mmCIF file of all heavy atoms, coordinates in Angstrom:
data_MODEL
# 
_entry.id   MODEL 
# 
loop_
_atom_site.group_PDB 
_atom_site.id 
_atom_site.type_symbol 
_atom_site.label_atom_id 
_atom_site.label_alt_id 
_atom_site.label_comp_id 
_atom_site.label_asym_id 
_atom_site.label_entity_id 
_atom_site.label_seq_id 
_atom_site.pdbx_PDB_ins_code 
_atom_site.Cartn_x 
_atom_site.Cartn_y 
_atom_site.Cartn_z 
_atom_site.occupancy 
_atom_site.B_iso_or_equiv 
_atom_site.pdbx_formal_charge 
_atom_site.auth_seq_id 
_atom_site.auth_comp_id 
_atom_site.auth_asym_id 
_atom_site.auth_atom_id 
_atom_site.pdbx_PDB_model_num 
ATOM 1   N N   . GLY A 1 1  ? 139.688 10.093 -96.511  1.00 0.00 ? 1  GLY A N   1 
ATOM 2   C CA  . GLY A 1 1  ? 140.241 9.307  -97.607  1.00 0.00 ? 1  GLY A CA  1 
ATOM 3   C C   . GLY A 1 1  ? 139.286 9.160  -98.770  1.00 0.00 ? 1  GLY A C   1 
ATOM 4   O O   . GLY A 1 1  ? 139.392 8.221  -99.559  1.00 0.00 ? 1  GLY A O   1 
ATOM 5   N N   . GLU A 1 2  ? 138.354 10.092 -98.912  1.00 0.00 ? 2  GLU A N   1 
ATOM 6   C CA  . GLU A 1 2  ? 137.354 10.015 -99.976  1.00 0.00 ? 2  GLU A CA  1 
ATOM 7   C C   . GLU A 1 2  ? 137.862 10.643 -101.267 1.00 0.00 ? 2  GLU A C   1 
ATOM 8   O O   . GLU A 1 2  ? 138.807 11.424 -101.279 1.00 0.00 ? 2  GLU A O   1 
ATOM 9   C CB  . GLU A 1 2  ? 136.059 10.713 -99.542  1.00 0.00 ? 2  GLU A CB  1 
ATOM 10  C CG  . GLU A 1 2  ? 135.337 9.986  -98.437  1.00 0.00 ? 2  GLU A CG  1 
ATOM 11  C CD  . GLU A 1 2  ? 134.048 10.690 -98.042  1.00 0.00 ? 2  GLU A CD  1 
ATOM 12  O OE1 . GLU A 1 2  ? 133.623 11.634 -98.736  1.00 0.00 ? 2  GLU A OE1 1 
ATOM 13  O OE2 . GLU A 1 2  ? 133.476 10.290 -97.012  1.00 0.00 ? 2  GLU A OE2 1 
ATOM 14  N N   . TYR A 1 3  ? 137.173 10.314 -102.323 1.00 0.00 ? 3  TYR A N   1 
ATOM 15  C CA  . TYR A 1 3  ? 137.426 10.803 -103.673 1.00 0.00 ? 3  TYR A CA  1 
ATOM 16  C C   . TYR A 1 3  ? 137.431 12.335 -103.686 1.00 0.00 ? 3  TYR A C   1 
ATOM 17  O O   . TYR A 1 3  ? 136.543 12.965 -103.137 1.00 0.00 ? 3  TYR A O   1 
ATOM 18  C CB  . TYR A 1 3  ? 136.326 10.237 -104.562 1.00 0.00 ? 3  TYR A CB  1 
ATOM 19  C CG  . TYR A 1 3  ? 136.294 10.726 -105.971 1.00 0.00 ? 3  TYR A CG  1 
ATOM 20  C CD1 . TYR A 1 3  ? 137.219 10.267 -106.884 1.00 0.00 ? 3  TYR A CD1 1 
ATOM 21  C CD2 . TYR A 1 3  ? 135.332 11.617 -106.396 1.00 0.00 ? 3  TYR A CD2 1 
ATOM 22  C CE1 . TYR A 1 3  ? 137.180 10.689 -108.194 1.00 0.00 ? 3  TYR A CE1 1 
ATOM 23  C CE2 . TYR A 1 3  ? 135.286 12.049 -107.698 1.00 0.00 ? 3  TYR A CE2 1 
ATOM 24  C CZ  . TYR A 1 3  ? 136.210 11.582 -108.599 1.00 0.00 ? 3  TYR A CZ  1 
ATOM 25  O OH  . TYR A 1 3  ? 136.181 12.000 -109.889 1.00 0.00 ? 3  TYR A OH  1 
ATOM 26  N N   . GLN A 1 4  ? 138.426 12.947 -104.322 1.00 0.00 ? 4  GLN A N   1 
ATOM 27  C CA  . GLN A 1 4  ? 138.566 14.399 -104.327 1.00 0.00 ? 4  GLN A CA  1 
ATOM 28  C C   . GLN A 1 4  ? 138.273 15.066 -105.662 1.00 0.00 ? 4  GLN A C   1 
ATOM 29  O O   . GLN A 1 4  ? 137.770 16.156 -105.706 1.00 0.00 ? 4  GLN A O   1 
ATOM 30  C CB  . GLN A 1 4  ? 139.998 14.780 -103.926 1.00 0.00 ? 4  GLN A CB  1 
ATOM 31  C CG  . GLN A 1 4  ? 140.250 14.682 -102.461 1.00 0.00 ? 4  GLN A CG  1 
ATOM 32  C CD  . GLN A 1 4  ? 139.420 15.685 -101.688 1.00 0.00 ? 4  GLN A CD  1 
ATOM 33  O OE1 . GLN A 1 4  ? 139.482 16.875 -101.941 1.00 0.00 ? 4  GLN A OE1 1 
ATOM 34  N NE2 . GLN A 1 4  ? 138.606 15.208 -100.784 1.00 0.00 ? 4  GLN A NE2 1 
ATOM 35  N N   . SER A 1 5  ? 138.638 14.397 -106.756 1.00 0.00 ? 5  SER A N   1 
ATOM 36  C CA  . SER A 1 5  ? 138.528 15.061 -108.042 1.00 0.00 ? 5  SER A CA  1 
ATOM 37  C C   . SER A 1 5  ? 138.290 14.046 -109.143 1.00 0.00 ? 5  SER A C   1 
ATOM 38  O O   . SER A 1 5  ? 138.746 12.915 -109.061 1.00 0.00 ? 5  SER A O   1 
ATOM 39  C CB  . SER A 1 5  ? 139.825 15.824 -108.333 1.00 0.00 ? 5  SER A CB  1 
ATOM 40  O OG  . SER A 1 5  ? 139.792 16.378 -109.623 1.00 0.00 ? 5  SER A OG  1 
ATOM 41  N N   . LYS A 1 6  ? 137.581 14.458 -110.169 1.00 0.00 ? 6  LYS A N   1 
ATOM 42  C CA  . LYS A 1 6  ? 137.385 13.569 -111.302 1.00 0.00 ? 6  LYS A CA  1 
ATOM 43  C C   . LYS A 1 6  ? 138.503 13.707 -112.321 1.00 0.00 ? 6  LYS A C   1 
ATOM 44  O O   . LYS A 1 6  ? 138.531 13.035 -113.322 1.00 0.00 ? 6  LYS A O   1 
ATOM 45  C CB  . LYS A 1 6  ? 136.035 13.815 -111.959 1.00 0.00 ? 6  LYS A CB  1 
ATOM 46  C CG  . LYS A 1 6  ? 135.870 15.177 -112.585 1.00 0.00 ? 6  LYS A CG  1 
ATOM 47  C CD  . LYS A 1 6  ? 134.496 15.318 -113.163 1.00 0.00 ? 6  LYS A CD  1 
ATOM 48  C CE  . LYS A 1 6  ? 134.309 16.718 -113.722 1.00 0.00 ? 6  LYS A CE  1 
ATOM 49  N NZ  . LYS A 1 6  ? 132.990 16.938 -114.206 1.00 0.00 ? 6  LYS A NZ  1 
ATOM 50  N N   . VAL A 1 7  ? 139.452 14.601 -112.078 1.00 0.00 ? 7  VAL A N   1 
ATOM 51  C CA  . VAL A 1 7  ? 140.580 14.801 -112.968 1.00 0.00 ? 7  VAL A CA  1 
ATOM 52  C C   . VAL A 1 7  ? 141.853 14.424 -112.223 1.00 0.00 ? 7  VAL A C   1 
ATOM 53  O O   . VAL A 1 7  ? 142.128 14.949 -111.165 1.00 0.00 ? 7  VAL A O   1 
ATOM 54  C CB  . VAL A 1 7  ? 140.671 16.267 -113.438 1.00 0.00 ? 7  VAL A CB  1 
ATOM 55  C CG1 . VAL A 1 7  ? 141.877 16.472 -114.323 1.00 0.00 ? 7  VAL A CG1 1 
ATOM 56  C CG2 . VAL A 1 7  ? 139.395 16.667 -114.152 1.00 0.00 ? 7  VAL A CG2 1 
ATOM 57  N N   . SER A 1 8  ? 142.614 13.492 -112.789 1.00 0.00 ? 8  SER A N   1 
ATOM 58  C CA  . SER A 1 8  ? 143.868 13.100 -112.158 1.00 0.00 ? 8  SER A CA  1 
ATOM 59  C C   . SER A 1 8  ? 144.939 12.941 -113.228 1.00 0.00 ? 8  SER A C   1 
ATOM 60  O O   . SER A 1 8  ? 144.645 12.650 -114.382 1.00 0.00 ? 8  SER A O   1 
ATOM 61  C CB  . SER A 1 8  ? 143.697 11.794 -111.392 1.00 0.00 ? 8  SER A CB  1 
ATOM 62  O OG  . SER A 1 8  ? 143.318 10.768 -112.268 1.00 0.00 ? 8  SER A OG  1 
ATOM 63  N N   . PRO A 1 9  ? 146.188 13.131 -112.854 1.00 0.00 ? 9  PRO A N   1 
ATOM 64  C CA  . PRO A 1 9  ? 147.241 13.072 -113.864 1.00 0.00 ? 9  PRO A CA  1 
ATOM 65  C C   . PRO A 1 9  ? 147.698 11.658 -114.158 1.00 0.00 ? 9  PRO A C   1 
ATOM 66  O O   . PRO A 1 9  ? 147.619 10.776 -113.317 1.00 0.00 ? 9  PRO A O   1 
ATOM 67  C CB  . PRO A 1 9  ? 148.370 13.864 -113.208 1.00 0.00 ? 9  PRO A CB  1 
ATOM 68  C CG  . PRO A 1 9  ? 148.177 13.635 -111.753 1.00 0.00 ? 9  PRO A CG  1 
ATOM 69  C CD  . PRO A 1 9  ? 146.679 13.546 -111.554 1.00 0.00 ? 9  PRO A CD  1 
ATOM 70  N N   . SER A 1 10 ? 148.165 11.442 -115.377 1.00 0.00 ? 10 SER A N   1 
ATOM 71  C CA  . SER A 1 10 ? 148.876 10.227 -115.746 1.00 0.00 ? 10 SER A CA  1 
ATOM 72  C C   . SER A 1 10 ? 150.347 10.589 -115.654 1.00 0.00 ? 10 SER A C   1 
ATOM 73  O O   . SER A 1 10 ? 150.770 11.595 -116.219 1.00 0.00 ? 10 SER A O   1 
ATOM 74  C CB  . SER A 1 10 ? 148.546 9.815  -117.170 1.00 0.00 ? 10 SER A CB  1 
ATOM 75  O OG  . SER A 1 10 ? 147.179 9.560  -117.299 1.00 0.00 ? 10 SER A OG  1 
ATOM 76  N N   . VAL A 1 11 ? 151.131 9.794  -114.936 1.00 0.00 ? 11 VAL A N   1 
ATOM 77  C CA  . VAL A 1 11 ? 152.519 10.162 -114.728 1.00 0.00 ? 11 VAL A CA  1 
ATOM 78  C C   . VAL A 1 11 ? 153.458 9.037  -115.114 1.00 0.00 ? 11 VAL A C   1 
ATOM 79  O O   . VAL A 1 11 ? 153.093 7.863  -115.047 1.00 0.00 ? 11 VAL A O   1 
ATOM 80  C CB  . VAL A 1 11 ? 152.781 10.573 -113.254 1.00 0.00 ? 11 VAL A CB  1 
ATOM 81  C CG1 . VAL A 1 11 ? 152.035 11.822 -112.907 1.00 0.00 ? 11 VAL A CG1 1 
ATOM 82  C CG2 . VAL A 1 11 ? 152.387 9.450  -112.305 1.00 0.00 ? 11 VAL A CG2 1 
ATOM 83  N N   . VAL A 1 12 ? 154.632 9.396  -115.537 1.00 0.00 ? 12 VAL A N   1 
ATOM 84  C CA  . VAL A 1 12 ? 155.687 8.430  -115.848 1.00 0.00 ? 12 VAL A CA  1 
ATOM 85  C C   . VAL A 1 12 ? 156.997 8.986  -115.307 1.00 0.00 ? 12 VAL A C   1 
ATOM 86  O O   . VAL A 1 12 ? 157.186 10.200 -115.256 1.00 0.00 ? 12 VAL A O   1 
ATOM 87  C CB  . VAL A 1 12 ? 155.821 8.155  -117.362 1.00 0.00 ? 12 VAL A CB  1 
ATOM 88  C CG1 . VAL A 1 12 ? 154.590 7.497  -117.912 1.00 0.00 ? 12 VAL A CG1 1 
ATOM 89  C CG2 . VAL A 1 12 ? 156.126 9.419  -118.124 1.00 0.00 ? 12 VAL A CG2 1 
ATOM 90  N N   . PRO A 1 13 ? 157.924 8.100  -114.895 1.00 0.00 ? 13 PRO A N   1 
ATOM 91  C CA  . PRO A 1 13 ? 159.219 8.624  -114.446 1.00 0.00 ? 13 PRO A CA  1 
ATOM 92  C C   . PRO A 1 13 ? 160.026 9.102  -115.644 1.00 0.00 ? 13 PRO A C   1 
ATOM 93  O O   . PRO A 1 13 ? 159.999 8.485  -116.698 1.00 0.00 ? 13 PRO A O   1 
ATOM 94  C CB  . PRO A 1 13 ? 159.862 7.416  -113.770 1.00 0.00 ? 13 PRO A CB  1 
ATOM 95  C CG  . PRO A 1 13 ? 159.230 6.232  -114.413 1.00 0.00 ? 13 PRO A CG  1 
ATOM 96  C CD  . PRO A 1 13 ? 157.836 6.650  -114.792 1.00 0.00 ? 13 PRO A CD  1 
ATOM 97  N N   . THR A 1 14 ? 160.695 10.229 -115.494 1.00 0.00 ? 14 THR A N   1 
ATOM 98  C CA  . THR A 1 14 ? 161.516 10.750 -116.590 1.00 0.00 ? 14 THR A CA  1 
ATOM 99  C C   . THR A 1 14 ? 162.997 10.563 -116.321 1.00 0.00 ? 14 THR A C   1 
ATOM 100 O O   . THR A 1 14 ? 163.779 10.493 -117.250 1.00 0.00 ? 14 THR A O   1 
ATOM 101 C CB  . THR A 1 14 ? 161.227 12.239 -116.832 1.00 0.00 ? 14 THR A CB  1 
ATOM 102 O OG1 . THR A 1 14 ? 161.466 12.940 -115.612 1.00 0.00 ? 14 THR A OG1 1 
ATOM 103 C CG2 . THR A 1 14 ? 159.789 12.441 -117.272 1.00 0.00 ? 14 THR A CG2 1 
ATOM 104 N N   . ALA A 1 15 ? 163.373 10.512 -115.072 1.00 0.00 ? 15 ALA A N   1 
ATOM 105 C CA  . ALA A 1 15 ? 164.790 10.332 -114.745 1.00 0.00 ? 15 ALA A CA  1 
ATOM 106 C C   . ALA A 1 15 ? 164.898 9.937  -113.277 1.00 0.00 ? 15 ALA A C   1 
ATOM 107 O O   . ALA A 1 15 ? 163.934 10.042 -112.526 1.00 0.00 ? 15 ALA A O   1 
ATOM 108 C CB  . ALA A 1 15 ? 165.558 11.621 -114.983 1.00 0.00 ? 15 ALA A CB  1 
ATOM 109 N N   . MET A 1 16 ? 166.064 9.474  -112.901 1.00 0.00 ? 16 MET A N   1 
ATOM 110 C CA  . MET A 1 16 ? 166.301 9.139  -111.504 1.00 0.00 ? 16 MET A CA  1 
ATOM 111 C C   . MET A 1 16 ? 167.182 10.225 -110.897 1.00 0.00 ? 16 MET A C   1 
ATOM 112 O O   . MET A 1 16 ? 168.210 10.599 -111.463 1.00 0.00 ? 16 MET A O   1 
ATOM 113 C CB  . MET A 1 16 ? 167.006 7.784  -111.374 1.00 0.00 ? 16 MET A CB  1 
ATOM 114 C CG  . MET A 1 16 ? 166.142 6.605  -111.787 1.00 0.00 ? 16 MET A CG  1 
ATOM 115 S SD  . MET A 1 16 ? 164.680 6.384  -110.769 1.00 0.00 ? 16 MET A SD  1 
ATOM 116 C CE  . MET A 1 16 ? 165.382 5.587  -109.353 1.00 0.00 ? 16 MET A CE  1 
ATOM 117 N N   . SER A 1 17 ? 166.745 10.764 -109.783 1.00 0.00 ? 17 SER A N   1 
ATOM 118 C CA  . SER A 1 17 ? 167.532 11.739 -109.049 1.00 0.00 ? 17 SER A CA  1 
ATOM 119 C C   . SER A 1 17 ? 167.940 11.071 -107.752 1.00 0.00 ? 17 SER A C   1 
ATOM 120 O O   . SER A 1 17 ? 167.101 10.857 -106.884 1.00 0.00 ? 17 SER A O   1 
ATOM 121 C CB  . SER A 1 17 ? 166.694 12.981 -108.785 1.00 0.00 ? 17 SER A CB  1 
ATOM 122 O OG  . SER A 1 17 ? 167.317 13.794 -107.840 1.00 0.00 ? 17 SER A OG  1 
ATOM 123 N N   . SER A 1 18 ? 169.159 10.724 -107.624 1.00 0.00 ? 18 SER A N   1 
ATOM 124 C CA  . SER A 1 18 ? 169.696 9.914  -106.533 1.00 0.00 ? 18 SER A CA  1 
ATOM 125 C C   . SER A 1 18 ? 168.849 8.656  -106.396 1.00 0.00 ? 18 SER A C   1 
ATOM 126 O O   . SER A 1 18 ? 168.846 7.821  -107.285 1.00 0.00 ? 18 SER A O   1 
ATOM 127 C CB  . SER A 1 18 ? 169.825 10.732 -105.245 1.00 0.00 ? 18 SER A CB  1 
ATOM 128 O OG  . SER A 1 18 ? 168.560 11.127 -104.775 1.00 0.00 ? 18 SER A OG  1 
ATOM 129 N N   . GLN A 1 19 ? 168.056 8.522  -105.348 1.00 0.00 ? 19 GLN A N   1 
ATOM 130 C CA  . GLN A 1 19 ? 167.276 7.296  -105.183 1.00 0.00 ? 19 GLN A CA  1 
ATOM 131 C C   . GLN A 1 19 ? 165.795 7.463  -105.517 1.00 0.00 ? 19 GLN A C   1 
ATOM 132 O O   . GLN A 1 19 ? 165.043 6.512  -105.481 1.00 0.00 ? 19 GLN A O   1 
ATOM 133 C CB  . GLN A 1 19 ? 167.421 6.787  -103.748 1.00 0.00 ? 19 GLN A CB  1 
ATOM 134 C CG  . GLN A 1 19 ? 166.902 7.768  -102.734 1.00 0.00 ? 19 GLN A CG  1 
ATOM 135 C CD  . GLN A 1 19 ? 167.594 7.608  -101.393 1.00 0.00 ? 19 GLN A CD  1 
ATOM 136 O OE1 . GLN A 1 19 ? 168.744 7.234  -101.333 1.00 0.00 ? 19 GLN A OE1 1 
ATOM 137 N NE2 . GLN A 1 19 ? 166.883 7.878  -100.342 1.00 0.00 ? 19 GLN A NE2 1 
ATOM 138 N N   . PHE A 1 20 ? 165.352 8.704  -105.833 1.00 0.00 ? 20 PHE A N   1 
ATOM 139 C CA  . PHE A 1 20 ? 163.938 8.940  -106.098 1.00 0.00 ? 20 PHE A CA  1 
ATOM 140 C C   . PHE A 1 20 ? 163.714 9.284  -107.568 1.00 0.00 ? 20 PHE A C   1 
ATOM 141 O O   . PHE A 1 20 ? 164.448 10.090 -108.135 1.00 0.00 ? 20 PHE A O   1 
ATOM 142 C CB  . PHE A 1 20 ? 163.405 10.096 -105.239 1.00 0.00 ? 20 PHE A CB  1 
ATOM 143 C CG  . PHE A 1 20 ? 163.556 9.843  -103.768 1.00 0.00 ? 20 PHE A CG  1 
ATOM 144 C CD1 . PHE A 1 20 ? 164.530 10.485 -103.036 1.00 0.00 ? 20 PHE A CD1 1 
ATOM 145 C CD2 . PHE A 1 20 ? 162.718 8.943  -103.137 1.00 0.00 ? 20 PHE A CD2 1 
ATOM 146 C CE1 . PHE A 1 20 ? 164.670 10.248 -101.685 1.00 0.00 ? 20 PHE A CE1 1 
ATOM 147 C CE2 . PHE A 1 20 ? 162.863 8.706  -101.779 1.00 0.00 ? 20 PHE A CE2 1 
ATOM 148 C CZ  . PHE A 1 20 ? 163.831 9.343  -101.053 1.00 0.00 ? 20 PHE A CZ  1 
ATOM 149 N N   . PRO A 1 21 ? 162.678 8.700  -108.198 1.00 0.00 ? 21 PRO A N   1 
ATOM 150 C CA  . PRO A 1 21 ? 162.411 9.048  -109.605 1.00 0.00 ? 21 PRO A CA  1 
ATOM 151 C C   . PRO A 1 21 ? 161.816 10.447 -109.727 1.00 0.00 ? 21 PRO A C   1 
ATOM 152 O O   . PRO A 1 21 ? 161.150 10.920 -108.818 1.00 0.00 ? 21 PRO A O   1 
ATOM 153 C CB  . PRO A 1 21 ? 161.402 7.989  -110.045 1.00 0.00 ? 21 PRO A CB  1 
ATOM 154 C CG  . PRO A 1 21 ? 160.759 7.523  -108.798 1.00 0.00 ? 21 PRO A CG  1 
ATOM 155 C CD  . PRO A 1 21 ? 161.770 7.681  -107.697 1.00 0.00 ? 21 PRO A CD  1 
ATOM 156 N N   . ILE A 1 22 ? 162.074 11.109 -110.848 1.00 0.00 ? 22 ILE A N   1 
ATOM 157 C CA  . ILE A 1 22 ? 161.455 12.396 -111.153 1.00 0.00 ? 22 ILE A CA  1 
ATOM 158 C C   . ILE A 1 22 ? 160.255 12.083 -112.035 1.00 0.00 ? 22 ILE A C   1 
ATOM 159 O O   . ILE A 1 22 ? 160.385 11.449 -113.077 1.00 0.00 ? 22 ILE A O   1 
ATOM 160 C CB  . ILE A 1 22 ? 162.443 13.333 -111.876 1.00 0.00 ? 22 ILE A CB  1 
ATOM 161 C CG1 . ILE A 1 22 ? 163.631 13.628 -110.953 1.00 0.00 ? 22 ILE A CG1 1 
ATOM 162 C CG2 . ILE A 1 22 ? 161.740 14.610 -112.310 1.00 0.00 ? 22 ILE A CG2 1 
ATOM 163 C CD1 . ILE A 1 22 ? 164.749 14.394 -111.631 1.00 0.00 ? 22 ILE A CD1 1 
ATOM 164 N N   . TRP A 1 23 ? 159.082 12.524 -111.613 1.00 0.00 ? 23 TRP A N   1 
ATOM 165 C CA  . TRP A 1 23 ? 157.842 12.190 -112.317 1.00 0.00 ? 23 TRP A CA  1 
ATOM 166 C C   . TRP A 1 23 ? 157.452 13.301 -113.268 1.00 0.00 ? 23 TRP A C   1 
ATOM 167 O O   . TRP A 1 23 ? 157.655 14.467 -113.013 1.00 0.00 ? 23 TRP A O   1 
ATOM 168 C CB  . TRP A 1 23 ? 156.709 11.955 -111.318 1.00 0.00 ? 23 TRP A CB  1 
ATOM 169 C CG  . TRP A 1 23 ? 157.007 10.817 -110.396 1.00 0.00 ? 23 TRP A CG  1 
ATOM 170 C CD1 . TRP A 1 23 ? 157.527 10.903 -109.146 1.00 0.00 ? 23 TRP A CD1 1 
ATOM 171 C CD2 . TRP A 1 23 ? 156.824 9.432  -110.653 1.00 0.00 ? 23 TRP A CD2 1 
ATOM 172 N NE1 . TRP A 1 23 ? 157.679 9.661  -108.608 1.00 0.00 ? 23 TRP A NE1 1 
ATOM 173 C CE2 . TRP A 1 23 ? 157.246 8.731  -109.509 1.00 0.00 ? 23 TRP A CE2 1 
ATOM 174 C CE3 . TRP A 1 23 ? 156.354 8.711  -111.749 1.00 0.00 ? 23 TRP A CE3 1 
ATOM 175 C CZ2 . TRP A 1 23 ? 157.217 7.356  -109.423 1.00 0.00 ? 23 TRP A CZ2 1 
ATOM 176 C CZ3 . TRP A 1 23 ? 156.308 7.340  -111.660 1.00 0.00 ? 23 TRP A CZ3 1 
ATOM 177 C CH2 . TRP A 1 23 ? 156.744 6.668  -110.511 1.00 0.00 ? 23 TRP A CH2 1 
ATOM 178 N N   . LYS A 1 24 ? 156.835 12.920 -114.374 1.00 0.00 ? 24 LYS A N   1 
ATOM 179 C CA  . LYS A 1 24 ? 156.362 13.873 -115.377 1.00 0.00 ? 24 LYS A CA  1 
ATOM 180 C C   . LYS A 1 24 ? 154.900 13.565 -115.660 1.00 0.00 ? 24 LYS A C   1 
ATOM 181 O O   . LYS A 1 24 ? 154.534 12.418 -115.904 1.00 0.00 ? 24 LYS A O   1 
ATOM 182 C CB  . LYS A 1 24 ? 157.173 13.742 -116.659 1.00 0.00 ? 24 LYS A CB  1 
ATOM 183 C CG  . LYS A 1 24 ? 156.676 14.628 -117.780 1.00 0.00 ? 24 LYS A CG  1 
ATOM 184 C CD  . LYS A 1 24 ? 157.466 14.374 -119.051 1.00 0.00 ? 24 LYS A CD  1 
ATOM 185 C CE  . LYS A 1 24 ? 156.840 15.138 -120.186 1.00 0.00 ? 24 LYS A CE  1 
ATOM 186 N NZ  . LYS A 1 24 ? 157.364 14.741 -121.464 1.00 0.00 ? 24 LYS A NZ  1 
ATOM 187 N N   . ILE A 1 25 ? 154.062 14.586 -115.625 1.00 0.00 ? 25 ILE A N   1 
ATOM 188 C CA  . ILE A 1 25 ? 152.647 14.407 -115.961 1.00 0.00 ? 25 ILE A CA  1 
ATOM 189 C C   . ILE A 1 25 ? 152.546 14.334 -117.477 1.00 0.00 ? 25 ILE A C   1 
ATOM 190 O O   . ILE A 1 25 ? 152.989 15.235 -118.183 1.00 0.00 ? 25 ILE A O   1 
ATOM 191 C CB  . ILE A 1 25 ? 151.787 15.551 -115.410 1.00 0.00 ? 25 ILE A CB  1 
ATOM 192 C CG1 . ILE A 1 25 ? 151.834 15.529 -113.876 1.00 0.00 ? 25 ILE A CG1 1 
ATOM 193 C CG2 . ILE A 1 25 ? 150.354 15.449 -115.917 1.00 0.00 ? 25 ILE A CG2 1 
ATOM 194 C CD1 . ILE A 1 25 ? 151.101 16.670 -113.219 1.00 0.00 ? 25 ILE A CD1 1 
# 
């Protein structure tokens, strides 16, 4: 469970697909 990368995405939901959101970087 340790740190893997110094680069990570910022994400926001763009739409809902049935019950799960679709994420966009």
